[in-house]
């Protein structure tokens, strides 16, 4: 059992972090609101995107979909379009589904209970804790990579962050550091410290506000933490696409909701043998996804007039598009890059807003 003296020491660390944050915290637009909708959007966008890269995406998305109702009523293709450039398109699909669920199950009001927030599509433990603490004042640490790294270094704690109980373990470790009713600010301070100071490589220990309380710094073992033993092996995949074009139009179809690149648009992956003589170019690119290394082979097919592009599309469930129409759809990044090379001036990479 922790003594009052120990608890006071933990709180001192938390308050010191909060003091640093009050002077050095980043000035970000979503820091000026407690609107759970806006906090939710920013948390999803910035989970895998650096602040500098994602900020314009966040502003554009919020400008087009300023509230739950607008997002819920939007067409799925438009939501994906406004997600263009961020990757991880399944997150945009889940945002759309969650907005619709808020309309149907919560009368259009973003739920305030942690369990209800956690039940929304695409929201995990970290995001639910962040929204609960920032918007509704719940005493919940938002456990993510930043918190794992900072706390494991402060306590020189070798608990494996890849273990199934890591979230629970580090939540318990963080709670005594959080001043009462300040969990939201504490979580944002922890995010900034981990992003700006206590970085994975080359941490700026010389200017860290918690240097005097960091056991890893004291022992000279900062780079030994956090401990992560479980590594997911990447798999190699081969994909082939045929860019079948005729007079500035080409074939696409929408992917299903299984496997990678859910609901995005793609080119045909096979063609009839009598199309093969019209292959006029080939290209191979490498592309990395989480735990997947893709080798993608592109073949450009220029179809002569004796073959009807429209008839083939109708018979094989494809859509015939122009580059202008394709600019209003979302393609996987390597396919988008290919389109940008084919149509350098006619295929916009992002929504015109």
Foldseek 3Di string as FASTA:
>chain_A
DDDPVRLVVLQVLLVLLLVCCVPDPDDAPVLVDLQLVLLLLVCLLPPPDDCVVCRVLSVQLCVQVVALVSLQPDDLQQLLQSCFPSPPSVLSVQSNQQSVCCCVPVVRGDDQDLVVNCPRGPDHDLSSQLSNCSNPLDLWARDDPLLQLVQCQLVVPADACVDPCNRVVSRVVNRSNADHSCRNSSNSSSVCCDVPALDLPPHPLVPRSCNVRGPCNVVVNSNVPHHHDDDQAAEEDEAEFEFEDEPQKTKKAFADCDDPPHRAIGHDRDDDPVQVVQFDDKDWDWDDDVSYIYIYIYTYGYDDPVDDPVVVCVVPVIDMDGLQVCLSGHHPVVVLVVSCVVVVPRHDSHDPD
